[in-house]
Amino acid sequence: MFKKLILLSFLLLGLQGCLSVPGVVETPTISVQNASLQNLSLTQGSALIRLNLTNPNGFPLPLRGVKYGLSLNGVQVANGAQTQQRNINARETVAIDIPVQMNLSQMFQLVPSILQQGQAQYTLQGAVDLPFISIPFSRTGGIGASR
């Protein structure tokens, strides 16, 4: 038992060392594919954000989870974390769906500035958690508002 524990420790240390050496383990890439509004009520809303995660390596990577935050005009309207245990096969791109719950009372406070500016600036940021690293992602942009 003790020998297995020591062997596992050395294996994990070796993998951690490989992650810091360029060319041995390539960092997966993340992009935001789309975001869609799912449900809307007087107090809250839900959206679904789809990320694309590409594993450029010749071996599978185990996904542990995703952390995220969503801001409109600098005001955070949603954040959370989702555990998602799955393997991303070698040289594969997978879609990861993140359900997001939004507090509409915070969003309603933004309505005057959105109407005045004609758009809302959004920032979606977070990280995808793998066993030894956390890969950040960020996307910003504008959403137009009709007057």
Protein backbone atom coordinates (compact mmCIF):
# COMPACT_ATOMS: atom_id res chain seq x y z
CA MET A 1 0.00 0.00 0.00
CA PHE A 2 2.79 2.39 0.97
CA LYS A 3 4.69 1.65 -2.26
CA LYS A 4 1.58 2.42 -4.32
CA LEU A 5 1.14 5.73 -2.50
CA ILE A 6 4.76 6.72 -3.14
CA LEU A 7 4.49 5.68 -6.80
CA LEU A 8 1.30 7.70 -7.20
CA SER A 9 2.95 10.72 -5.54
CA PHE A 10 5.89 10.59 -7.96
CA LEU A 11 3.55 10.18 -10.90
CA LEU A 12 1.55 13.24 -9.84
CA LEU A 13 4.71 15.28 -9.30
CA GLY A 14 5.96 14.25 -12.74
CA LEU A 15 2.70 15.31 -14.36
CA GLN A 16 2.79 18.62 -12.53
CA GLY A 17 6.33 19.18 -13.80
CA CYS A 18 5.25 18.38 -17.36
CA LEU A 19 2.52 20.99 -17.18
CA SER A 20 5.13 23.69 -16.65
CA VAL A 21 7.32 22.58 -19.58
CA PRO A 22 6.15 24.03 -22.91
CA GLY A 23 5.51 21.43 -25.59
CA VAL A 24 5.04 18.48 -23.22
CA VAL A 25 1.45 19.25 -22.23
CA GLU A 26 -0.41 21.82 -24.27
CA THR A 27 -2.96 24.04 -22.59
CA PRO A 28 -6.53 23.33 -23.70
CA THR A 29 -8.33 26.18 -25.44
CA ILE A 30 -11.71 27.56 -24.42
CA SER A 31 -14.16 29.63 -26.40
CA VAL A 32 -17.68 30.82 -25.70
CA GLN A 33 -19.95 29.36 -28.38
CA ASN A 34 -23.20 31.08 -27.40
CA ALA A 35 -25.49 32.23 -24.62
CA SER A 36 -29.27 32.00 -24.61
CA LEU A 37 -32.01 33.13 -22.26
CA GLN A 38 -33.98 30.14 -20.99
CA ASN A 39 -36.60 31.37 -18.51
CA LEU A 40 -37.67 34.74 -17.18
CA SER A 41 -39.85 35.62 -14.19
CA LEU A 42 -40.43 38.76 -12.13
CA THR A 43 -37.54 38.00 -9.77
CA GLN A 44 -35.02 35.88 -11.64
CA GLY A 45 -33.91 34.65 -14.99
CA SER A 46 -31.94 31.71 -16.23
CA ALA A 47 -29.61 31.45 -19.17
CA LEU A 48 -27.53 28.72 -20.73
CA ILE A 49 -23.94 29.45 -21.73
CA ARG A 50 -22.16 26.99 -23.99
CA LEU A 51 -18.36 26.78 -23.91
CA ASN A 52 -16.21 24.82 -26.35
CA LEU A 53 -13.20 23.13 -24.75
CA THR A 54 -10.52 21.72 -27.06
CA ASN A 55 -7.91 19.24 -25.84
CA PRO A 56 -4.88 19.57 -28.18
CA ASN A 57 -2.96 16.78 -26.40
CA GLY A 58 -2.49 13.17 -27.45
CA PHE A 59 -4.08 11.91 -24.23
CA PRO A 60 -7.41 12.48 -22.47
CA LEU A 61 -7.88 15.18 -19.83
CA PRO A 62 -10.33 14.79 -16.95
CA LEU A 63 -12.64 17.78 -16.49
CA ARG A 64 -13.52 18.56 -12.87
CA GLY A 65 -15.79 21.60 -13.13
CA VAL A 66 -16.41 25.17 -14.21
CA LYS A 67 -16.51 28.45 -12.26
CA TYR A 68 -18.11 31.55 -13.78
CA GLY A 69 -19.22 35.13 -13.24
CA LEU A 70 -21.42 37.36 -15.42
CA SER A 71 -21.44 41.16 -15.19
CA LEU A 72 -23.53 43.77 -17.01
CA ASN A 73 -22.16 47.33 -17.08
CA GLY A 74 -19.75 46.37 -14.32
CA VAL A 75 -22.46 45.00 -11.99
CA GLN A 76 -22.21 41.29 -11.24
CA VAL A 77 -25.59 39.67 -11.95
CA ALA A 78 -24.61 35.99 -11.72
CA ASN A 79 -21.84 33.74 -10.49
CA GLY A 80 -21.41 30.15 -9.51
CA ALA A 81 -19.60 26.88 -9.91
CA GLN A 82 -20.61 23.62 -11.47
CA THR A 83 -19.04 20.23 -10.87
CA GLN A 84 -18.79 18.36 -14.13
CA GLN A 85 -16.83 15.11 -14.04
CA ARG A 86 -16.03 13.92 -17.56
CA ASN A 87 -13.07 13.05 -19.77
CA ILE A 88 -12.11 15.08 -22.81
CA ASN A 89 -10.55 12.67 -25.27
CA ALA A 90 -7.29 13.36 -27.08
CA ARG A 91 -7.59 16.07 -29.75
CA GLU A 92 -11.31 16.44 -29.12
CA THR A 93 -13.55 19.48 -28.76
CA VAL A 94 -16.48 19.16 -26.38
CA ALA A 95 -19.35 21.50 -25.58
CA ILE A 96 -19.89 22.36 -21.93
CA ASP A 97 -23.28 23.78 -20.99
CA ILE A 98 -23.39 26.06 -17.95
CA PRO A 99 -26.79 26.96 -16.52
CA VAL A 100 -26.71 30.50 -15.08
CA GLN A 101 -29.21 31.93 -12.58
CA MET A 102 -29.54 35.74 -12.68
CA ASN A 103 -30.99 38.10 -10.10
CA LEU A 104 -33.37 40.36 -12.01
CA SER A 105 -33.63 42.97 -9.24
CA GLN A 106 -29.95 43.78 -9.86
CA MET A 107 -30.53 43.80 -13.60
CA PHE A 108 -33.53 46.16 -13.32
CA GLN A 109 -31.26 48.72 -11.62
CA LEU A 110 -29.23 48.76 -14.84
CA VAL A 111 -32.18 49.55 -17.14
CA PRO A 112 -31.83 53.38 -17.05
CA SER A 113 -28.12 53.29 -17.94
CA ILE A 114 -28.70 50.66 -20.63
CA LEU A 115 -31.45 52.73 -22.25
CA GLN A 116 -29.36 55.90 -22.00
CA GLN A 117 -26.27 54.28 -23.56
CA GLY A 118 -28.24 52.15 -26.00
CA GLN A 119 -26.40 48.98 -25.01
CA ALA A 120 -25.18 46.89 -22.10
CA GLN A 121 -21.57 45.87 -21.80
CA TYR A 122 -21.22 42.30 -20.58
CA THR A 123 -18.28 40.39 -19.19
CA LEU A 124 -18.33 36.62 -18.82
CA GLN A 125 -15.33 35.23 -17.04
CA GLY A 126 -14.43 32.08 -15.22
CA ALA A 127 -12.23 29.01 -15.27
CA VAL A 128 -12.41 25.38 -16.30
CA ASP A 129 -10.91 23.11 -13.64
CA LEU A 130 -8.68 20.19 -14.60
CA PRO A 131 -6.77 18.06 -12.06
CA PHE A 132 -3.58 20.16 -11.99
CA ILE A 133 -4.53 23.44 -13.61
CA SER A 134 -7.39 25.86 -13.90
CA ILE A 135 -7.81 27.41 -17.36
CA PRO A 136 -9.32 30.90 -17.34
CA PHE A 137 -11.72 32.21 -19.96
CA SER A 138 -13.14 35.67 -20.55
CA ARG A 139 -15.42 37.25 -23.10
CA THR A 140 -16.65 40.82 -23.28
CA GLY A 141 -19.01 42.54 -25.63
CA GLY A 142 -22.08 44.66 -26.02
CA ILE A 143 -25.75 43.84 -26.23
CA GLY A 144 -27.88 46.44 -28.02
CA ALA A 145 -31.06 47.85 -26.46
CA SER A 146 -34.04 49.22 -28.39
CA ARG A 147 -35.36 52.60 -27.35
